[in-house]
Amino acid sequence: MLMMMVGIILFMFIIGNMIFVSKYKHLLIVLLSLEFIILSIFFFLLLMLSYLENDLYFLMVFLVFSVCEGALGLSILVSMIRTHGNDYFQSFNLL
């Protein structure tokens, strides 16, 4: 049962990385794939900490940092859409 759960989590992580690498035109897709990767890491940590019977306080800290990362990503997305009109990476110069 544990190996099946680890396999599912590893599959989620690989799919999230594949989407992150292949869909780089829109910032929203990139941010969603990063959140999917963080969700798979959270599930892995939850599974491992529960299996080892450790305290789950680290998961609360991890969730706080992932929420901050998501809020920062959304604020960057909103500022890009306000200044450039869309979230295409090709429509503006990154330098």
N, C-alpha and C. Protein backbone atom coordinates (compact mmCIF):
# COMPACT_ATOMS: atom_id res chain seq x y z
N MET A 1 0.82 -1.19 0.00
CA MET A 1 0.00 0.00 0.00
C MET A 1 0.87 1.26 0.00
N LEU A 2 1.93 1.22 0.81
CA LEU A 2 2.82 2.37 0.90
C LEU A 2 3.54 2.60 -0.42
N MET A 3 3.97 1.52 -1.06
CA MET A 3 4.68 1.67 -2.33
C MET A 3 3.75 2.19 -3.43
N MET A 4 2.49 1.80 -3.38
CA MET A 4 1.53 2.32 -4.36
C MET A 4 1.31 3.81 -4.17
N MET A 5 1.23 4.25 -2.92
CA MET A 5 1.07 5.68 -2.64
C MET A 5 2.30 6.47 -3.08
N VAL A 6 3.49 5.92 -2.82
CA VAL A 6 4.72 6.59 -3.25
C VAL A 6 4.78 6.64 -4.77
N GLY A 7 4.33 5.60 -5.44
CA GLY A 7 4.29 5.59 -6.91
C GLY A 7 3.36 6.65 -7.47
N ILE A 8 2.19 6.80 -6.84
CA ILE A 8 1.25 7.83 -7.29
C ILE A 8 1.82 9.22 -7.09
N ILE A 9 2.46 9.43 -5.95
CA ILE A 9 3.07 10.74 -5.66
C ILE A 9 4.21 11.02 -6.63
N LEU A 10 5.03 10.01 -6.92
CA LEU A 10 6.12 10.18 -7.89
C LEU A 10 5.57 10.48 -9.28
N PHE A 11 4.47 9.83 -9.64
CA PHE A 11 3.82 10.11 -10.93
C PHE A 11 3.31 11.55 -10.98
N MET A 12 2.72 12.03 -9.88
CA MET A 12 2.27 13.42 -9.82
C MET A 12 3.44 14.38 -9.99
N PHE A 13 4.56 14.07 -9.34
CA PHE A 13 5.73 14.94 -9.41
C PHE A 13 6.30 14.97 -10.83
N ILE A 14 6.36 13.83 -11.49
CA ILE A 14 6.90 13.77 -12.85
C ILE A 14 5.98 14.50 -13.82
N ILE A 15 4.67 14.32 -13.69
CA ILE A 15 3.72 15.01 -14.57
C ILE A 15 3.81 16.52 -14.36
N GLY A 16 3.93 16.97 -13.12
CA GLY A 16 4.08 18.39 -12.85
C GLY A 16 5.34 18.96 -13.47
N ASN A 17 6.44 18.22 -13.40
CA ASN A 17 7.68 18.68 -14.03
C ASN A 17 7.58 18.69 -15.54
N MET A 18 6.90 17.72 -16.13
CA MET A 18 6.74 17.69 -17.59
C MET A 18 5.91 18.89 -18.05
N ILE A 19 4.86 19.22 -17.33
CA ILE A 19 4.05 20.39 -17.69
C ILE A 19 4.86 21.67 -17.53
N PHE A 20 5.67 21.73 -16.46
CA PHE A 20 6.49 22.92 -16.22
C PHE A 20 7.50 23.13 -17.35
N VAL A 21 8.07 22.05 -17.85
CA VAL A 21 9.08 22.16 -18.90
C VAL A 21 8.45 22.43 -20.26
N SER A 22 7.31 21.83 -20.55
CA SER A 22 6.76 21.92 -21.90
C SER A 22 5.83 23.11 -22.13
N LYS A 23 5.14 23.58 -21.13
CA LYS A 23 4.17 24.67 -21.29
C LYS A 23 4.73 25.96 -20.72
N TYR A 24 5.61 26.60 -21.42
CA TYR A 24 6.27 27.78 -20.90
C TYR A 24 5.82 29.07 -21.58
N LYS A 25 4.72 29.05 -22.31
CA LYS A 25 4.26 30.27 -22.98
C LYS A 25 3.46 31.17 -22.05
N HIS A 26 2.65 30.59 -21.21
CA HIS A 26 1.80 31.36 -20.31
C HIS A 26 2.31 31.23 -18.87
N LEU A 27 2.31 32.34 -18.17
CA LEU A 27 2.75 32.32 -16.78
C LEU A 27 1.77 31.58 -15.89
N LEU A 28 0.49 31.65 -16.18
CA LEU A 28 -0.51 30.98 -15.36
C LEU A 28 -0.33 29.46 -15.38
N ILE A 29 -0.02 28.88 -16.54
CA ILE A 29 0.21 27.44 -16.63
C ILE A 29 1.46 27.05 -15.84
N VAL A 30 2.49 27.89 -15.92
CA VAL A 30 3.72 27.61 -15.17
C VAL A 30 3.45 27.65 -13.67
N LEU A 31 2.68 28.63 -13.21
CA LEU A 31 2.37 28.72 -11.79
C LEU A 31 1.51 27.55 -11.32
N LEU A 32 0.56 27.13 -12.14
CA LEU A 32 -0.26 25.97 -11.77
C LEU A 32 0.55 24.69 -11.70
N SER A 33 1.51 24.54 -12.62
CA SER A 33 2.35 23.33 -12.57
C SER A 33 3.26 23.36 -11.35
N LEU A 34 3.75 24.54 -10.96
CA LEU A 34 4.55 24.63 -9.74
C LEU A 34 3.72 24.29 -8.51
N GLU A 35 2.48 24.73 -8.47
CA GLU A 35 1.61 24.39 -7.35
C GLU A 35 1.31 22.88 -7.32
N PHE A 36 1.20 22.27 -8.49
CA PHE A 36 0.98 20.82 -8.56
C PHE A 36 2.20 20.07 -8.04
N ILE A 37 3.40 20.56 -8.35
CA ILE A 37 4.62 19.95 -7.84
C ILE A 37 4.69 20.09 -6.32
N ILE A 38 4.35 21.27 -5.82
CA ILE A 38 4.37 21.49 -4.37
C ILE A 38 3.33 20.61 -3.68
N LEU A 39 2.18 20.41 -4.31
CA LEU A 39 1.16 19.54 -3.74
C LEU A 39 1.65 18.10 -3.66
N SER A 40 2.36 17.63 -4.68
CA SER A 40 2.89 16.27 -4.63
C SER A 40 3.97 16.14 -3.56
N ILE A 41 4.80 17.17 -3.39
CA ILE A 41 5.81 17.14 -2.32
C ILE A 41 5.14 17.14 -0.95
N PHE A 42 4.05 17.91 -0.82
CA PHE A 42 3.31 17.92 0.45
C PHE A 42 2.74 16.54 0.75
N PHE A 43 2.15 15.88 -0.23
CA PHE A 43 1.62 14.53 -0.01
C PHE A 43 2.73 13.55 0.37
N PHE A 44 3.89 13.69 -0.27
CA PHE A 44 5.02 12.82 0.06
C PHE A 44 5.48 13.04 1.50
N LEU A 45 5.60 14.31 1.90
CA LEU A 45 6.00 14.59 3.27
C LEU A 45 4.96 14.10 4.27
N LEU A 46 3.70 14.27 3.96
CA LEU A 46 2.63 13.78 4.83
C LEU A 46 2.71 12.27 4.98
N LEU A 47 2.94 11.58 3.88
CA LEU A 47 3.02 10.12 3.92
C LEU A 47 4.24 9.66 4.71
N MET A 48 5.38 10.27 4.46
CA MET A 48 6.60 9.85 5.15
C MET A 48 6.59 10.20 6.63
N LEU A 49 6.12 11.39 6.98
CA LEU A 49 6.08 11.76 8.39
C LEU A 49 5.05 10.94 9.16
N SER A 50 3.96 10.58 8.51
CA SER A 50 2.98 9.71 9.17
C SER A 50 3.51 8.29 9.32
N TYR A 51 4.25 7.83 8.32
CA TYR A 51 4.83 6.48 8.38
C TYR A 51 5.89 6.38 9.47
N LEU A 52 6.69 7.43 9.62
CA LEU A 52 7.74 7.43 10.63
C LEU A 52 7.24 7.85 12.00
N GLU A 53 5.95 8.21 12.09
CA GLU A 53 5.29 8.63 13.32
C GLU A 53 5.98 9.83 13.96
N ASN A 54 6.36 10.79 13.13
CA ASN A 54 6.95 12.04 13.61
C ASN A 54 5.86 13.09 13.75
N ASP A 55 6.23 14.22 14.34
CA ASP A 55 5.31 15.34 14.45
C ASP A 55 5.06 15.94 13.08
N LEU A 56 3.88 16.44 12.89
CA LEU A 56 3.50 17.01 11.60
C LEU A 56 3.57 18.53 11.60
N TYR A 57 4.33 19.12 12.52
CA TYR A 57 4.46 20.57 12.57
C TYR A 57 5.21 21.12 11.36
N PHE A 58 6.13 20.33 10.84
CA PHE A 58 6.87 20.76 9.66
C PHE A 58 5.94 20.97 8.47
N LEU A 59 4.87 20.19 8.40
CA LEU A 59 3.92 20.34 7.29
C LEU A 59 3.21 21.69 7.36
N MET A 60 2.96 22.20 8.56
CA MET A 60 2.33 23.51 8.69
C MET A 60 3.27 24.61 8.18
N VAL A 61 4.55 24.49 8.49
CA VAL A 61 5.53 25.45 8.00
C VAL A 61 5.63 25.36 6.48
N PHE A 62 5.63 24.14 5.96
CA PHE A 62 5.69 23.93 4.51
C PHE A 62 4.46 24.54 3.82
N LEU A 63 3.29 24.37 4.42
CA LEU A 63 2.08 24.96 3.85
C LEU A 63 2.12 26.48 3.87
N VAL A 64 2.67 27.06 4.92
CA VAL A 64 2.78 28.52 5.00
C VAL A 64 3.66 29.04 3.87
N PHE A 65 4.80 28.39 3.66
CA PHE A 65 5.70 28.83 2.60
C PHE A 65 5.11 28.60 1.21
N SER A 66 4.36 27.53 1.03
CA SER A 66 3.76 27.30 -0.28
C SER A 66 2.62 28.29 -0.56
N VAL A 67 1.90 28.69 0.46
CA VAL A 67 0.86 29.72 0.28
C VAL A 67 1.50 31.06 -0.05
N CYS A 68 2.60 31.38 0.61
CA CYS A 68 3.31 32.63 0.29
C CYS A 68 3.84 32.60 -1.13
N GLU A 69 4.34 31.47 -1.57
CA GLU A 69 4.82 31.33 -2.95
C GLU A 69 3.68 31.51 -3.94
N GLY A 70 2.53 30.95 -3.64
CA GLY A 70 1.37 31.10 -4.53
C GLY A 70 0.88 32.53 -4.59
N ALA A 71 0.87 33.21 -3.45
CA ALA A 71 0.44 34.61 -3.42
C ALA A 71 1.41 35.50 -4.19
N LEU A 72 2.69 35.26 -4.06
CA LEU A 72 3.67 36.03 -4.82
C LEU A 72 3.55 35.79 -6.32
N GLY A 73 3.30 34.54 -6.69
CA GLY A 73 3.12 34.23 -8.11
C GLY A 73 1.89 34.91 -8.69
N LEU A 74 0.80 34.92 -7.94
CA LEU A 74 -0.41 35.59 -8.42
C LEU A 74 -0.23 37.10 -8.50
N SER A 75 0.52 37.68 -7.57
CA SER A 75 0.75 39.12 -7.64
C SER A 75 1.62 39.48 -8.84
N ILE A 76 2.60 38.64 -9.16
CA ILE A 76 3.40 38.86 -10.37
C ILE A 76 2.54 38.72 -11.61
N LEU A 77 1.64 37.75 -11.62
CA LEU A 77 0.75 37.55 -12.76
C LEU A 77 -0.17 38.76 -12.95
N VAL A 78 -0.73 39.28 -11.87
CA VAL A 78 -1.62 40.43 -11.97
C VAL A 78 -0.86 41.66 -12.45
N SER A 79 0.34 41.88 -11.94
CA SER A 79 1.11 43.04 -12.39
C SER A 79 1.53 42.91 -13.85
N MET A 80 1.84 41.70 -14.30
CA MET A 80 2.17 41.50 -15.71
C MET A 80 0.97 41.77 -16.60
N ILE A 81 -0.19 41.31 -16.20
CA ILE A 81 -1.38 41.52 -17.02
C ILE A 81 -1.74 43.01 -17.04
N ARG A 82 -1.55 43.71 -15.93
CA ARG A 82 -1.84 45.15 -15.93
C ARG A 82 -0.88 45.94 -16.81
N THR A 83 0.39 45.55 -16.81
CA THR A 83 1.36 46.32 -17.60
C THR A 83 1.41 45.91 -19.06
N HIS A 84 1.29 44.62 -19.34
CA HIS A 84 1.46 44.13 -20.71
C HIS A 84 0.16 43.69 -21.39
N GLY A 85 -0.88 43.45 -20.63
CA GLY A 85 -2.16 43.08 -21.23
C GLY A 85 -2.39 41.59 -21.37
N ASN A 86 -1.36 40.77 -21.19
CA ASN A 86 -1.51 39.31 -21.27
C ASN A 86 -0.39 38.67 -20.45
N ASP A 87 -0.40 37.33 -20.43
CA ASP A 87 0.64 36.63 -19.67
C ASP A 87 1.57 35.83 -20.57
N TYR A 88 1.69 36.23 -21.82
CA TYR A 88 2.64 35.59 -22.74
C TYR A 88 4.06 35.98 -22.36
N PHE A 89 4.97 35.04 -22.40
CA PHE A 89 6.36 35.36 -22.14
C PHE A 89 7.03 36.02 -23.33
N GLN A 90 6.47 35.83 -24.55
CA GLN A 90 7.10 36.40 -25.74
C GLN A 90 6.73 37.86 -25.95
N SER A 91 5.75 38.40 -25.23
CA SER A 91 5.28 39.74 -25.51
C SER A 91 6.09 40.83 -24.79
N PHE A 92 7.02 40.44 -23.96
CA PHE A 92 7.83 41.44 -23.27
C PHE A 92 9.25 40.95 -23.15
N ASN A 93 10.15 41.88 -22.89
CA ASN A 93 11.57 41.56 -22.76
C ASN A 93 11.89 41.31 -21.29
N LEU A 94 12.50 40.17 -20.99
CA LEU A 94 12.81 39.83 -19.61
C LEU A 94 14.04 40.55 -19.10
N LEU A 95 14.85 41.11 -19.97
CA LEU A 95 16.08 41.77 -19.51
C LEU A 95 15.80 43.14 -19.07
